[in-house]
Amino acid sequence: MSTTLSKSDFDLSQIINGVTIMAPSPFGFHQDIISNLVLLIGNHAKLNKSGKILTSPLDVIFEKGYNVIQPDLIYIRKENMSIFDSKGYIHGVPDLLIEIVSTSSVSRDTVEKYKIYEKYGVNEYWIVFPELKVVEVFVLKDGKYSLFCSTENTEGVLSSVILTDFKVKVDEVFEG
């Protein structure tokens, strides 16, 4: 029996401010970081029964046809799971989004997506810089992001507002 796959089965396109962007699939170290964060956040969420961690490709639909984003990682608190529909899309605002910066996505992740996530009210946004082994955590306050934590300034400890009592050494994020 053969299975025929279509482009939509592995669609890595996003719509950012009305423009369709096709991103290459992540490789190597990027995948290691995703795996590490899924385990770290997933274990924390399971232990605390607090929510769910999801990975790309998964559409977060802020505004159909205008801003449909595929963050690397998505965290939704259990009380907000209604935004995750039965077809596997997210219609609404996740509690925490994480982007892992690659050479081709620096501006998109640090400027464009930053502004979009801020505009739609994502409570917490992490930007991961693999080459620097740094994670910056931004928290929404009065409609604007402010830097809550940078592993450059916290002796390498990553913490979160959304993930209560979550503290990990940044080295755990970049293992592999």
C-alpha atoms as a PDB file:
ATOM      1  CA  MET A   1       0.000   0.000   0.000  1.00  0.00           C
ATOM      2  CA  SER A   2       1.450   3.368  -0.952  1.00  0.00           C
ATOM      3  CA  THR A   3       0.587   6.663   0.609  1.00  0.00           C
ATOM      4  CA  THR A   4       0.510   9.816  -1.454  1.00  0.00           C
ATOM      5  CA  LEU A   5       1.545  12.937   0.376  1.00  0.00           C
ATOM      6  CA  SER A   6       0.714  16.430  -0.698  1.00  0.00           C
ATOM      7  CA  LYS A   7       2.478  19.730  -0.075  1.00  0.00           C
ATOM      8  CA  SER A   8       0.016  20.514   2.705  1.00  0.00           C
ATOM      9  CA  ASP A   9       1.182  17.431   4.632  1.00  0.00           C
ATOM     10  CA  PHE A  10       4.504  19.177   5.260  1.00  0.00           C
ATOM     11  CA  ASP A  11       3.654  22.798   4.591  1.00  0.00           C
ATOM     12  CA  LEU A  12       6.216  25.095   6.169  1.00  0.00           C
ATOM     13  CA  SER A  13       4.675  28.259   4.770  1.00  0.00           C
ATOM     14  CA  GLN A  14       3.512  31.122   6.926  1.00  0.00           C
ATOM     15  CA  ILE A  15       1.586  34.280   6.197  1.00  0.00           C
ATOM     16  CA  ILE A  16       3.293  37.243   7.809  1.00  0.00           C
ATOM     17  CA  ASN A  17       1.534  40.581   7.416  1.00  0.00           C
ATOM     18  CA  GLY A  18      -0.250  39.282   4.321  1.00  0.00           C
ATOM     19  CA  VAL A  19       2.871  37.882   2.625  1.00  0.00           C
ATOM     20  CA  THR A  20       3.366  34.131   2.217  1.00  0.00           C
ATOM     21  CA  ILE A  21       6.799  33.041   3.370  1.00  0.00           C
ATOM     22  CA  MET A  22       8.196  29.571   2.725  1.00  0.00           C
ATOM     23  CA  ALA A  23      10.765  28.517   5.294  1.00  0.00           C
ATOM     24  CA  PRO A  24      13.226  25.656   4.913  1.00  0.00           C
ATOM     25  CA  SER A  25      12.855  22.823   7.400  1.00  0.00           C
ATOM     26  CA  PRO A  26      15.150  23.182  10.422  1.00  0.00           C
ATOM     27  CA  PHE A  27      18.327  21.094  10.601  1.00  0.00           C
ATOM     28  CA  GLY A  28      20.750  19.680  13.149  1.00  0.00           C
ATOM     29  CA  PHE A  29      21.343  21.901  16.132  1.00  0.00           C
ATOM     30  CA  HIS A  30      17.985  23.635  15.613  1.00  0.00           C
ATOM     31  CA  GLN A  31      16.239  20.253  15.968  1.00  0.00           C
ATOM     32  CA  ASP A  32      18.305  19.415  19.081  1.00  0.00           C
ATOM     33  CA  ILE A  33      17.154  22.654  20.720  1.00  0.00           C
ATOM     34  CA  ILE A  34      13.519  21.960  19.832  1.00  0.00           C
ATOM     35  CA  SER A  35      13.793  18.449  21.301  1.00  0.00           C
ATOM     36  CA  ASN A  36      15.447  19.732  24.475  1.00  0.00           C
ATOM     37  CA  LEU A  37      12.825  22.431  24.997  1.00  0.00           C
ATOM     38  CA  VAL A  38       9.968  20.006  24.337  1.00  0.00           C
ATOM     39  CA  LEU A  39      11.363  17.691  27.016  1.00  0.00           C
ATOM     40  CA  LEU A  40      12.109  20.463  29.530  1.00  0.00           C
ATOM     41  CA  ILE A  41       8.824  22.326  29.106  1.00  0.00           C
ATOM     42  CA  GLY A  42       6.789  19.166  28.528  1.00  0.00           C
ATOM     43  CA  ASN A  43       8.070  17.538  31.723  1.00  0.00           C
ATOM     44  CA  HIS A  44       7.403  20.731  33.665  1.00  0.00           C
ATOM     45  CA  ALA A  45       3.869  21.009  32.254  1.00  0.00           C
ATOM     46  CA  LYS A  46       3.144  17.345  32.946  1.00  0.00           C
ATOM     47  CA  LEU A  47       4.447  17.533  36.507  1.00  0.00           C
ATOM     48  CA  ASN A  48       2.391  20.662  37.202  1.00  0.00           C
ATOM     49  CA  LYS A  49      -0.592  19.624  35.047  1.00  0.00           C
ATOM     50  CA  SER A  50      -0.432  23.123  33.627  1.00  0.00           C
ATOM     51  CA  GLY A  51      -0.695  22.888  29.851  1.00  0.00           C
ATOM     52  CA  LYS A  52       0.650  21.501  26.612  1.00  0.00           C
ATOM     53  CA  ILE A  53       3.724  22.071  24.449  1.00  0.00           C
ATOM     54  CA  LEU A  54       3.297  21.786  20.657  1.00  0.00           C
ATOM     55  CA  THR A  55       5.781  21.958  17.787  1.00  0.00           C
ATOM     56  CA  SER A  56       5.904  23.307  14.253  1.00  0.00           C
ATOM     57  CA  PRO A  57       4.598  22.838  11.652  1.00  0.00           C
ATOM     58  CA  LEU A  58       1.370  23.902  13.323  1.00  0.00           C
ATOM     59  CA  ASP A  59      -0.572  26.995  12.264  1.00  0.00           C
ATOM     60  CA  VAL A  60      -1.330  29.675  14.808  1.00  0.00           C
ATOM     61  CA  ILE A  61      -4.085  31.661  13.126  1.00  0.00           C
ATOM     62  CA  PHE A  62      -4.106  35.185  14.499  1.00  0.00           C
ATOM     63  CA  GLU A  63      -5.870  36.661  11.480  1.00  0.00           C
ATOM     64  CA  LYS A  64      -6.856  34.347   8.609  1.00  0.00           C
ATOM     65  CA  GLY A  65      -5.081  35.228   5.377  1.00  0.00           C
ATOM     66  CA  TYR A  66      -2.970  37.919   7.042  1.00  0.00           C
ATOM     67  CA  ASN A  67      -1.059  36.463  10.010  1.00  0.00           C
ATOM     68  CA  VAL A  68      -0.868  32.674  10.098  1.00  0.00           C
ATOM     69  CA  ILE A  69       2.370  31.813  11.844  1.00  0.00           C
ATOM     70  CA  GLN A  70       4.217  28.573  12.586  1.00  0.00           C
ATOM     71  CA  PRO A  71       6.362  29.213  15.663  1.00  0.00           C
ATOM     72  CA  ASP A  72       8.968  26.585  16.500  1.00  0.00           C
ATOM     73  CA  LEU A  73       7.263  25.858  19.827  1.00  0.00           C
ATOM     74  CA  ILE A  74       3.860  26.719  21.236  1.00  0.00           C
ATOM     75  CA  TYR A  75       2.722  26.438  24.843  1.00  0.00           C
ATOM     76  CA  ILE A  76      -0.938  26.649  25.801  1.00  0.00           C
ATOM     77  CA  ARG A  77      -2.138  26.638  29.394  1.00  0.00           C
ATOM     78  CA  LYS A  78      -4.751  23.977  30.092  1.00  0.00           C
ATOM     79  CA  GLU A  79      -7.431  26.612  30.761  1.00  0.00           C
ATOM     80  CA  ASN A  80      -6.846  28.025  27.254  1.00  0.00           C
ATOM     81  CA  MET A  81      -6.869  24.734  25.310  1.00  0.00           C
ATOM     82  CA  SER A  82     -10.146  25.723  23.614  1.00  0.00           C
ATOM     83  CA  ILE A  83      -8.055  27.682  21.067  1.00  0.00           C
ATOM     84  CA  PHE A  84      -6.677  24.341  19.794  1.00  0.00           C
ATOM     85  CA  ASP A  85      -9.396  23.046  17.455  1.00  0.00           C
ATOM     86  CA  SER A  86     -10.268  19.474  16.474  1.00  0.00           C
ATOM     87  CA  LYS A  87      -8.589  19.894  13.067  1.00  0.00           C
ATOM     88  CA  GLY A  88      -5.273  20.679  14.746  1.00  0.00           C
ATOM     89  CA  TYR A  89      -5.097  24.430  14.231  1.00  0.00           C
ATOM     90  CA  ILE A  90      -4.766  27.132  16.816  1.00  0.00           C
ATOM     91  CA  HIS A  91      -7.347  29.899  16.470  1.00  0.00           C
ATOM     92  CA  GLY A  92      -6.374  32.522  18.996  1.00  0.00           C
ATOM     93  CA  VAL A  93      -3.481  33.550  21.163  1.00  0.00           C
ATOM     94  CA  PRO A  94      -1.205  30.939  22.768  1.00  0.00           C
ATOM     95  CA  ASP A  95       0.284  31.753  26.165  1.00  0.00           C
ATOM     96  CA  LEU A  96       3.921  31.299  25.122  1.00  0.00           C
ATOM     97  CA  LEU A  97       5.664  31.176  21.746  1.00  0.00           C
ATOM     98  CA  ILE A  98       9.279  30.244  21.073  1.00  0.00           C
ATOM     99  CA  GLU A  99      11.324  30.968  17.962  1.00  0.00           C
ATOM    100  CA  ILE A 100      14.773  29.522  17.363  1.00  0.00           C
ATOM    101  CA  VAL A 101      16.731  31.978  15.247  1.00  0.00           C
ATOM    102  CA  SER A 102      18.573  30.728  12.189  1.00  0.00           C
ATOM    103  CA  THR A 103      20.748  32.707   9.811  1.00  0.00           C
ATOM    104  CA  SER A 104      17.832  33.169   7.418  1.00  0.00           C
ATOM    105  CA  SER A 105      15.303  34.139  10.115  1.00  0.00           C
ATOM    106  CA  VAL A 106      17.056  36.741  12.288  1.00  0.00           C
ATOM    107  CA  SER A 107      14.992  39.732  11.152  1.00  0.00           C
ATOM    108  CA  ARG A 108      11.782  37.720  10.856  1.00  0.00           C
ATOM    109  CA  ASP A 109      12.059  36.339  14.423  1.00  0.00           C
ATOM    110  CA  THR A 110      13.499  39.374  16.211  1.00  0.00           C
ATOM    111  CA  VAL A 111      11.523  42.117  14.456  1.00  0.00           C
ATOM    112  CA  GLU A 112       8.520  40.932  12.411  1.00  0.00           C
ATOM    113  CA  LYS A 113       7.281  38.098  14.622  1.00  0.00           C
ATOM    114  CA  TYR A 114       8.157  40.057  17.759  1.00  0.00           C
ATOM    115  CA  LYS A 115       5.817  42.854  16.612  1.00  0.00           C
ATOM    116  CA  ILE A 116       3.084  40.400  15.547  1.00  0.00           C
ATOM    117  CA  TYR A 117       3.157  38.474  18.830  1.00  0.00           C
ATOM    118  CA  GLU A 118       3.117  41.736  20.756  1.00  0.00           C
ATOM    119  CA  LYS A 119       0.217  43.082  18.644  1.00  0.00           C
ATOM    120  CA  TYR A 120      -1.963  39.997  19.169  1.00  0.00           C
ATOM    121  CA  GLY A 121      -1.177  39.771  22.884  1.00  0.00           C
ATOM    122  CA  VAL A 122       1.033  36.682  23.277  1.00  0.00           C
ATOM    123  CA  ASN A 123       1.893  36.865  26.983  1.00  0.00           C
ATOM    124  CA  GLU A 124       5.420  35.516  26.674  1.00  0.00           C
ATOM    125  CA  TYR A 125       7.835  35.240  23.752  1.00  0.00           C
ATOM    126  CA  TRP A 126      11.199  33.471  23.838  1.00  0.00           C
ATOM    127  CA  ILE A 127      13.850  34.143  21.225  1.00  0.00           C
ATOM    128  CA  VAL A 128      16.569  31.479  21.143  1.00  0.00           C
ATOM    129  CA  PHE A 129      19.951  32.363  19.634  1.00  0.00           C
ATOM    130  CA  PRO A 130      21.766  29.037  18.989  1.00  0.00           C
ATOM    131  CA  GLU A 131      25.083  30.496  17.870  1.00  0.00           C
ATOM    132  CA  LEU A 132      25.293  32.652  21.020  1.00  0.00           C
ATOM    133  CA  LYS A 133      23.710  30.006  23.286  1.00  0.00           C
ATOM    134  CA  VAL A 134      21.400  32.701  24.638  1.00  0.00           C
ATOM    135  CA  VAL A 135      17.662  32.748  25.308  1.00  0.00           C
ATOM    136  CA  GLU A 136      15.755  36.021  25.734  1.00  0.00           C
ATOM    137  CA  VAL A 137      12.349  35.947  27.394  1.00  0.00           C
ATOM    138  CA  PHE A 138       9.944  38.823  26.721  1.00  0.00           C
ATOM    139  CA  VAL A 139       6.805  39.355  28.787  1.00  0.00           C
ATOM    140  CA  LEU A 140       3.824  41.458  27.752  1.00  0.00           C
ATOM    141  CA  LYS A 141       3.183  44.428  30.065  1.00  0.00           C
ATOM    142  CA  ASP A 142       0.590  47.058  29.171  1.00  0.00           C
ATOM    143  CA  GLY A 143       0.528  45.830  25.569  1.00  0.00           C
ATOM    144  CA  LYS A 144       4.320  46.044  25.067  1.00  0.00           C
ATOM    145  CA  TYR A 145       7.072  43.491  25.488  1.00  0.00           C
ATOM    146  CA  SER A 146       9.727  43.998  28.098  1.00  0.00           C
ATOM    147  CA  LEU A 147      12.756  41.809  28.644  1.00  0.00           C
ATOM    148  CA  PHE A 148      12.058  39.531  31.610  1.00  0.00           C
ATOM    149  CA  CYS A 149      15.086  37.277  31.365  1.00  0.00           C
ATOM    150  CA  SER A 150      18.198  36.937  29.239  1.00  0.00           C
ATOM    151  CA  THR A 151      20.449  33.985  29.960  1.00  0.00           C
ATOM    152  CA  GLU A 152      23.381  36.338  29.313  1.00  0.00           C
ATOM    153  CA  ASN A 153      22.453  38.261  32.473  1.00  0.00           C
ATOM    154  CA  THR A 154      21.099  35.505  34.747  1.00  0.00           C
ATOM    155  CA  GLU A 155      24.195  33.335  35.173  1.00  0.00           C
ATOM    156  CA  GLY A 156      22.820  31.044  32.484  1.00  0.00           C
ATOM    157  CA  VAL A 157      19.490  30.341  34.176  1.00  0.00           C
ATOM    158  CA  LEU A 158      16.331  30.424  32.075  1.00  0.00           C
ATOM    159  CA  SER A 159      13.064  31.270  33.806  1.00  0.00           C
ATOM    160  CA  SER A 160       9.519  32.135  32.823  1.00  0.00           C
ATOM    161  CA  VAL A 161       6.430  33.950  34.072  1.00  0.00           C
ATOM    162  CA  ILE A 162       3.965  31.681  32.240  1.00  0.00           C
ATOM    163  CA  LEU A 163       5.711  28.481  33.368  1.00  0.00           C
ATOM    164  CA  THR A 164       5.536  29.000  37.122  1.00  0.00           C
ATOM    165  CA  ASP A 165       8.679  27.833  38.959  1.00  0.00           C
ATOM    166  CA  PHE A 166      10.377  26.875  35.686  1.00  0.00           C
ATOM    167  CA  LYS A 167      14.134  27.309  36.008  1.00  0.00           C
ATOM    168  CA  VAL A 168      16.707  25.525  33.861  1.00  0.00           C
ATOM    169  CA  LYS A 169      20.358  25.966  33.104  1.00  0.00           C
ATOM    170  CA  VAL A 170      20.723  27.278  29.577  1.00  0.00           C
ATOM    171  CA  ASP A 171      23.221  24.466  28.862  1.00  0.00           C
ATOM    172  CA  GLU A 172      20.273  22.025  29.031  1.00  0.00           C
ATOM    173  CA  VAL A 173      18.606  23.909  26.177  1.00  0.00           C
ATOM    174  CA  PHE A 174      21.694  23.671  23.950  1.00  0.00           C
ATOM    175  CA  GLU A 175      22.748  20.060  24.664  1.00  0.00           C
ATOM    176  CA  GLY A 176      23.309  17.856  21.655  1.00  0.00           C
END
